Amino acid sequence: CYPIHREGAYQHLLIESDRPMLEWVKDFNQYDLYTKRDERMDVDGLRPYYEELIAEFFPAQLAW
């Protein structure tokens, strides 16, 4: 998918209704699942944030 919204490839395959949607794809790209940085994440620094989220949305004990 990157070639179409980063390098402008495959334009000849788009229909007119695709073009406005492509702008949304470009905007959303910054939030995709893959990091855009080479730096490593500080797992210990992030842990409290995610533990708080888990405590808010999950019960203390899960029933498996």
PDB file of N, CA and C in Angstrom:
ATOM      1  N   CYS A   1       0.821  -1.191   0.000  1.00  0.00           N
ATOM      2  CA  CYS A   1       0.000   0.000   0.000  1.00  0.00           C
ATOM      3  C   CYS A   1       0.870   1.261   0.000  1.00  0.00           C
ATOM      4  N   TYR A   2       2.076   1.186   0.555  1.00  0.00           N
ATOM      5  CA  TYR A   2       2.919   2.379   0.608  1.00  0.00           C
ATOM      6  C   TYR A   2       3.186   3.025  -0.747  1.00  0.00           C
ATOM      7  N   PRO A   3       3.433   2.251  -1.799  1.00  0.00           N
ATOM      8  CA  PRO A   3       3.751   2.904  -3.070  1.00  0.00           C
ATOM      9  C   PRO A   3       2.675   3.870  -3.548  1.00  0.00           C
ATOM     10  N   ILE A   4       1.424   3.553  -3.287  1.00  0.00           N
ATOM     11  CA  ILE A   4       0.370   4.432  -3.800  1.00  0.00           C
ATOM     12  C   ILE A   4       0.281   5.738  -3.023  1.00  0.00           C
ATOM     13  N   HIS A   5       0.446   5.706  -1.715  1.00  0.00           N
ATOM     14  CA  HIS A   5       0.275   6.947  -0.974  1.00  0.00           C
ATOM     15  C   HIS A   5       1.583   7.639  -0.623  1.00  0.00           C
ATOM     16  N   ARG A   6       2.707   7.002  -0.824  1.00  0.00           N
ATOM     17  CA  ARG A   6       3.982   7.678  -0.572  1.00  0.00           C
ATOM     18  C   ARG A   6       4.681   8.099  -1.846  1.00  0.00           C
ATOM     19  N   GLU A   7       4.671   7.251  -2.852  1.00  0.00           N
ATOM     20  CA  GLU A   7       5.393   7.560  -4.080  1.00  0.00           C
ATOM     21  C   GLU A   7       4.472   7.900  -5.246  1.00  0.00           C
ATOM     22  N   GLY A   8       3.165   7.799  -5.043  1.00  0.00           N
ATOM     23  CA  GLY A   8       2.227   8.147  -6.105  1.00  0.00           C
ATOM     24  C   GLY A   8       2.093   7.095  -7.195  1.00  0.00           C
ATOM     25  N   ALA A   9       2.540   5.881  -6.937  1.00  0.00           N
ATOM     26  CA  ALA A   9       2.428   4.810  -7.929  1.00  0.00           C
ATOM     27  C   ALA A   9       0.972   4.369  -8.065  1.00  0.00           C
ATOM     28  N   TYR A  10       0.679   3.671  -9.115  1.00  0.00           N
ATOM     29  CA  TYR A  10      -0.628   3.055  -9.370  1.00  0.00           C
ATOM     30  C   TYR A  10      -1.755   4.058  -9.585  1.00  0.00           C
ATOM     31  N   GLN A  11      -1.438   5.302  -9.870  1.00  0.00           N
ATOM     32  CA  GLN A  11      -2.483   6.298 -10.095  1.00  0.00           C
ATOM     33  C   GLN A  11      -3.424   5.885 -11.225  1.00  0.00           C
ATOM     34  N   HIS A  12      -2.894   5.184 -12.188  1.00  0.00           N
ATOM     35  CA  HIS A  12      -3.715   4.766 -13.331  1.00  0.00           C
ATOM     36  C   HIS A  12      -4.772   3.725 -12.948  1.00  0.00           C
ATOM     37  N   LEU A  13      -4.651   3.139 -11.775  1.00  0.00           N
ATOM     38  CA  LEU A  13      -5.620   2.142 -11.329  1.00  0.00           C
ATOM     39  C   LEU A  13      -6.747   2.740 -10.481  1.00  0.00           C
ATOM     40  N   LEU A  14      -6.623   4.009 -10.121  1.00  0.00           N
ATOM     41  CA  LEU A  14      -7.628   4.639  -9.272  1.00  0.00           C
ATOM     42  C   LEU A  14      -8.853   5.037 -10.075  1.00  0.00           C
ATOM     43  N   ILE A  15     -10.013   4.962  -9.424  1.00  0.00           N
ATOM     44  CA  ILE A  15     -11.210   5.560 -10.002  1.00  0.00           C
ATOM     45  C   ILE A  15     -11.409   6.899  -9.294  1.00  0.00           C
ATOM     46  N   GLU A  16     -12.262   7.731  -9.823  1.00  0.00           N
ATOM     47  CA  GLU A  16     -12.402   9.097  -9.303  1.00  0.00           C
ATOM     48  C   GLU A  16     -12.743   9.120  -7.813  1.00  0.00           C
ATOM     49  N   SER A  17     -13.567   8.196  -7.351  1.00  0.00           N
ATOM     50  CA  SER A  17     -13.940   8.190  -5.929  1.00  0.00           C
ATOM     51  C   SER A  17     -12.795   7.752  -5.018  1.00  0.00           C
ATOM     52  N   ASP A  18     -11.748   7.150  -5.571  1.00  0.00           N
ATOM     53  CA  ASP A  18     -10.580   6.758  -4.773  1.00  0.00           C
ATOM     54  C   ASP A  18      -9.746   7.964  -4.367  1.00  0.00           C
ATOM     55  N   ARG A  19      -9.714   8.959  -5.205  1.00  0.00           N
ATOM     56  CA  ARG A  19      -8.797  10.086  -4.984  1.00  0.00           C
ATOM     57  C   ARG A  19      -9.045  10.827  -3.663  1.00  0.00           C
ATOM     58  N   PRO A  20     -10.279  11.183  -3.326  1.00  0.00           N
ATOM     59  CA  PRO A  20     -10.480  11.827  -2.016  1.00  0.00           C
ATOM     60  C   PRO A  20     -10.115  10.901  -0.851  1.00  0.00           C
ATOM     61  N   MET A  21     -10.371   9.610  -1.015  1.00  0.00           N
ATOM     62  CA  MET A  21     -10.056   8.660   0.053  1.00  0.00           C
ATOM     63  C   MET A  21      -8.553   8.533   0.265  1.00  0.00           C
ATOM     64  N   LEU A  22      -7.793   8.721  -0.767  1.00  0.00           N
ATOM     65  CA  LEU A  22      -6.340   8.620  -0.664  1.00  0.00           C
ATOM     66  C   LEU A  22      -5.785   9.661   0.303  1.00  0.00           C
ATOM     67  N   GLU A  23      -6.420  10.820   0.369  1.00  0.00           N
ATOM     68  CA  GLU A  23      -5.994  11.845   1.333  1.00  0.00           C
ATOM     69  C   GLU A  23      -6.191  11.345   2.761  1.00  0.00           C
ATOM     70  N   TRP A  24      -7.274  10.626   3.002  1.00  0.00           N
ATOM     71  CA  TRP A  24      -7.504  10.049   4.332  1.00  0.00           C
ATOM     72  C   TRP A  24      -6.454   8.988   4.646  1.00  0.00           C
ATOM     73  N   VAL A  25      -6.098   8.200   3.657  1.00  0.00           N
ATOM     74  CA  VAL A  25      -5.068   7.170   3.848  1.00  0.00           C
ATOM     75  C   VAL A  25      -3.749   7.830   4.232  1.00  0.00           C
ATOM     76  N   LYS A  26      -3.408   8.914   3.571  1.00  0.00           N
ATOM     77  CA  LYS A  26      -2.164   9.628   3.884  1.00  0.00           C
ATOM     78  C   LYS A  26      -2.196  10.161   5.315  1.00  0.00           C
ATOM     79  N   ASP A  27      -3.334  10.726   5.725  1.00  0.00           N
ATOM     80  CA  ASP A  27      -3.459  11.232   7.095  1.00  0.00           C
ATOM     81  C   ASP A  27      -3.348  10.102   8.113  1.00  0.00           C
ATOM     82  N   PHE A  28      -4.015   8.991   7.839  1.00  0.00           N
ATOM     83  CA  PHE A  28      -4.035   7.867   8.769  1.00  0.00           C
ATOM     84  C   PHE A  28      -2.681   7.172   8.864  1.00  0.00           C
ATOM     85  N   ASN A  29      -1.877   7.272   7.840  1.00  0.00           N
ATOM     86  CA  ASN A  29      -0.590   6.578   7.778  1.00  0.00           C
ATOM     87  C   ASN A  29       0.283   6.845   9.000  1.00  0.00           C
ATOM     88  N   GLN A  30       0.206   8.031   9.562  1.00  0.00           N
ATOM     89  CA  GLN A  30       1.045   8.344  10.723  1.00  0.00           C
ATOM     90  C   GLN A  30       0.630   7.559  11.966  1.00  0.00           C
ATOM     91  N   TYR A  31      -0.545   6.949  11.942  1.00  0.00           N
ATOM     92  CA  TYR A  31      -1.041   6.204  13.095  1.00  0.00           C
ATOM     93  C   TYR A  31      -1.033   4.698  12.885  1.00  0.00           C
ATOM     94  N   ASP A  32      -0.384   4.224  11.855  1.00  0.00           N
ATOM     95  CA  ASP A  32      -0.414   2.782  11.596  1.00  0.00           C
ATOM     96  C   ASP A  32       0.373   2.019  12.660  1.00  0.00           C
ATOM     97  N   LEU A  33       0.368   0.710  12.563  1.00  0.00           N
ATOM     98  CA  LEU A  33       0.933  -0.137  13.612  1.00  0.00           C
ATOM     99  C   LEU A  33       2.449  -0.204  13.624  1.00  0.00           C
ATOM    100  N   TYR A  34       3.087   0.276  12.600  1.00  0.00           N
ATOM    101  CA  TYR A  34       4.534   0.153  12.500  1.00  0.00           C
ATOM    102  C   TYR A  34       5.192   1.472  12.849  1.00  0.00           C
ATOM    103  N   THR A  35       6.173   1.420  13.702  1.00  0.00           N
ATOM    104  CA  THR A  35       6.859   2.634  14.114  1.00  0.00           C
ATOM    105  C   THR A  35       7.643   3.232  12.960  1.00  0.00           C
ATOM    106  N   LYS A  36       7.751   4.534  12.976  1.00  0.00           N
ATOM    107  CA  LYS A  36       8.491   5.245  11.931  1.00  0.00           C
ATOM    108  C   LYS A  36       9.858   5.714  12.453  1.00  0.00           C
ATOM    109  N   ARG A  37      10.207   5.269  13.659  1.00  0.00           N
ATOM    110  CA  ARG A  37      11.459   5.719  14.266  1.00  0.00           C
ATOM    111  C   ARG A  37      12.418   4.551  14.459  1.00  0.00           C
ATOM    112  N   ASP A  38      13.697   4.869  14.474  1.00  0.00           N
ATOM    113  CA  ASP A  38      14.710   3.856  14.731  1.00  0.00           C
ATOM    114  C   ASP A  38      14.988   3.684  16.222  1.00  0.00           C
ATOM    115  N   GLU A  39      14.590   4.667  17.034  1.00  0.00           N
ATOM    116  CA  GLU A  39      14.880   4.598  18.465  1.00  0.00           C
ATOM    117  C   GLU A  39      14.037   3.517  19.142  1.00  0.00           C
ATOM    118  N   ARG A  40      14.625   2.898  20.148  1.00  0.00           N
ATOM    119  CA  ARG A  40      13.928   1.838  20.877  1.00  0.00           C
ATOM    120  C   ARG A  40      12.975   2.461  21.892  1.00  0.00           C
ATOM    121  N   MET A  41      11.877   1.788  22.132  1.00  0.00           N
ATOM    122  CA  MET A  41      10.895   2.272  23.096  1.00  0.00           C
ATOM    123  C   MET A  41      11.384   2.011  24.518  1.00  0.00           C
ATOM    124  N   ASP A  42      11.046   2.921  25.427  1.00  0.00           N
ATOM    125  CA  ASP A  42      11.366   2.772  26.843  1.00  0.00           C
ATOM    126  C   ASP A  42      10.245   1.964  27.498  1.00  0.00           C
ATOM    127  N   VAL A  43      10.387   0.648  27.495  1.00  0.00           N
ATOM    128  CA  VAL A  43       9.334  -0.242  27.983  1.00  0.00           C
ATOM    129  C   VAL A  43       9.029   0.033  29.451  1.00  0.00           C
ATOM    130  N   ASP A  44      10.043   0.205  30.264  1.00  0.00           N
ATOM    131  CA  ASP A  44       9.817   0.456  31.692  1.00  0.00           C
ATOM    132  C   ASP A  44       9.092   1.782  31.909  1.00  0.00           C
ATOM    133  N   GLY A  45       9.386   2.763  31.086  1.00  0.00           N
ATOM    134  CA  GLY A  45       8.707   4.052  31.187  1.00  0.00           C
ATOM    135  C   GLY A  45       7.261   3.990  30.716  1.00  0.00           C
ATOM    136  N   LEU A  46       6.978   3.128  29.760  1.00  0.00           N
ATOM    137  CA  LEU A  46       5.623   2.995  29.226  1.00  0.00           C
ATOM    138  C   LEU A  46       4.734   2.080  30.064  1.00  0.00           C
ATOM    139  N   ARG A  47       5.350   1.204  30.825  1.00  0.00           N
ATOM    140  CA  ARG A  47       4.595   0.198  31.582  1.00  0.00           C
ATOM    141  C   ARG A  47       3.499   0.804  32.468  1.00  0.00           C
ATOM    142  N   PRO A  48       3.765   1.839  33.265  1.00  0.00           N
ATOM    143  CA  PRO A  48       2.699   2.379  34.125  1.00  0.00           C
ATOM    144  C   PRO A  48       1.484   2.865  33.328  1.00  0.00           C
ATOM    145  N   TYR A  49       1.713   3.471  32.198  1.00  0.00           N
ATOM    146  CA  TYR A  49       0.612   3.954  31.362  1.00  0.00           C
ATOM    147  C   TYR A  49      -0.287   2.798  30.929  1.00  0.00           C
ATOM    148  N   TYR A  50       0.330   1.743  30.416  1.00  0.00           N
ATOM    149  CA  TYR A  50      -0.455   0.615  29.926  1.00  0.00           C
ATOM    150  C   TYR A  50      -1.067  -0.201  31.057  1.00  0.00           C
ATOM    151  N   GLU A  51      -0.395  -0.289  32.190  1.00  0.00           N
ATOM    152  CA  GLU A  51      -0.983  -0.984  33.337  1.00  0.00           C
ATOM    153  C   GLU A  51      -2.225  -0.247  33.832  1.00  0.00           C
ATOM    154  N   GLU A  52      -2.192   1.077  33.794  1.00  0.00           N
ATOM    155  CA  GLU A  52      -3.354   1.868  34.192  1.00  0.00           C
ATOM    156  C   GLU A  52      -4.526   1.637  33.229  1.00  0.00           C
ATOM    157  N   LEU A  53      -4.241   1.575  31.946  1.00  0.00           N
ATOM    158  CA  LEU A  53      -5.295   1.285  30.968  1.00  0.00           C
ATOM    159  C   LEU A  53      -5.902  -0.095  31.203  1.00  0.00           C
ATOM    160  N   ILE A  54      -5.051  -1.067  31.446  1.00  0.00           N
ATOM    161  CA  ILE A  54      -5.533  -2.428  31.695  1.00  0.00           C
ATOM    162  C   ILE A  54      -6.402  -2.456  32.948  1.00  0.00           C
ATOM    163  N   ALA A  55      -5.965  -1.782  34.001  1.00  0.00           N
ATOM    164  CA  ALA A  55      -6.736  -1.754  35.245  1.00  0.00           C
ATOM    165  C   ALA A  55      -8.094  -1.084  35.040  1.00  0.00           C
ATOM    166  N   GLU A  56      -8.151  -0.099  34.165  1.00  0.00           N
ATOM    167  CA  GLU A  56      -9.405   0.613  33.915  1.00  0.00           C
ATOM    168  C   GLU A  56     -10.408  -0.243  33.136  1.00  0.00           C
ATOM    169  N   PHE A  57      -9.934  -1.017  32.190  1.00  0.00           N
ATOM    170  CA  PHE A  57     -10.840  -1.706  31.274  1.00  0.00           C
ATOM    171  C   PHE A  57     -10.961  -3.220  31.482  1.00  0.00           C
ATOM    172  N   PHE A  58     -10.150  -3.785  32.366  1.00  0.00           N
ATOM    173  CA  PHE A  58     -10.210  -5.227  32.608  1.00  0.00           C
ATOM    174  C   PHE A  58     -10.387  -5.486  34.095  1.00  0.00           C
ATOM    175  N   PRO A  59     -11.080  -6.565  34.448  1.00  0.00           N
ATOM    176  CA  PRO A  59     -11.203  -6.900  35.869  1.00  0.00           C
ATOM    177  C   PRO A  59      -9.851  -7.342  36.428  1.00  0.00           C
ATOM    178  N   ALA A  60      -9.728  -7.274  37.750  1.00  0.00           N
ATOM    179  CA  ALA A  60      -8.460  -7.644  38.392  1.00  0.00           C
ATOM    180  C   ALA A  60      -8.090  -9.092  38.115  1.00  0.00           C
ATOM    181  N   GLN A  61      -9.105  -9.948  38.026  1.00  0.00           N
ATOM    182  CA  GLN A  61      -8.849 -11.359  37.732  1.00  0.00           C
ATOM    183  C   GLN A  61      -9.681 -11.753  36.514  1.00  0.00           C
ATOM    184  N   LEU A  62      -9.016 -12.338  35.534  1.00  0.00           N
ATOM    185  CA  LEU A  62      -9.702 -12.782  34.326  1.00  0.00           C
ATOM    186  C   LEU A  62     -10.185 -14.214  34.495  1.00  0.00           C
ATOM    187  N   ALA A  63     -11.375 -14.485  33.988  1.00  0.00           N
ATOM    188  CA  ALA A  63     -11.915 -15.850  34.002  1.00  0.00           C
ATOM    189  C   ALA A  63     -11.577 -16.503  32.673  1.00  0.00           C
ATOM    190  N   TRP A  64     -10.744 -17.523  32.695  1.00  0.00           N
ATOM    191  CA  TRP A  64     -10.329 -18.197  31.461  1.00  0.00           C
ATOM    192  C   TRP A  64     -11.149 -19.400  31.225  1.00  0.00           C
TER     193      TRP A  64
END
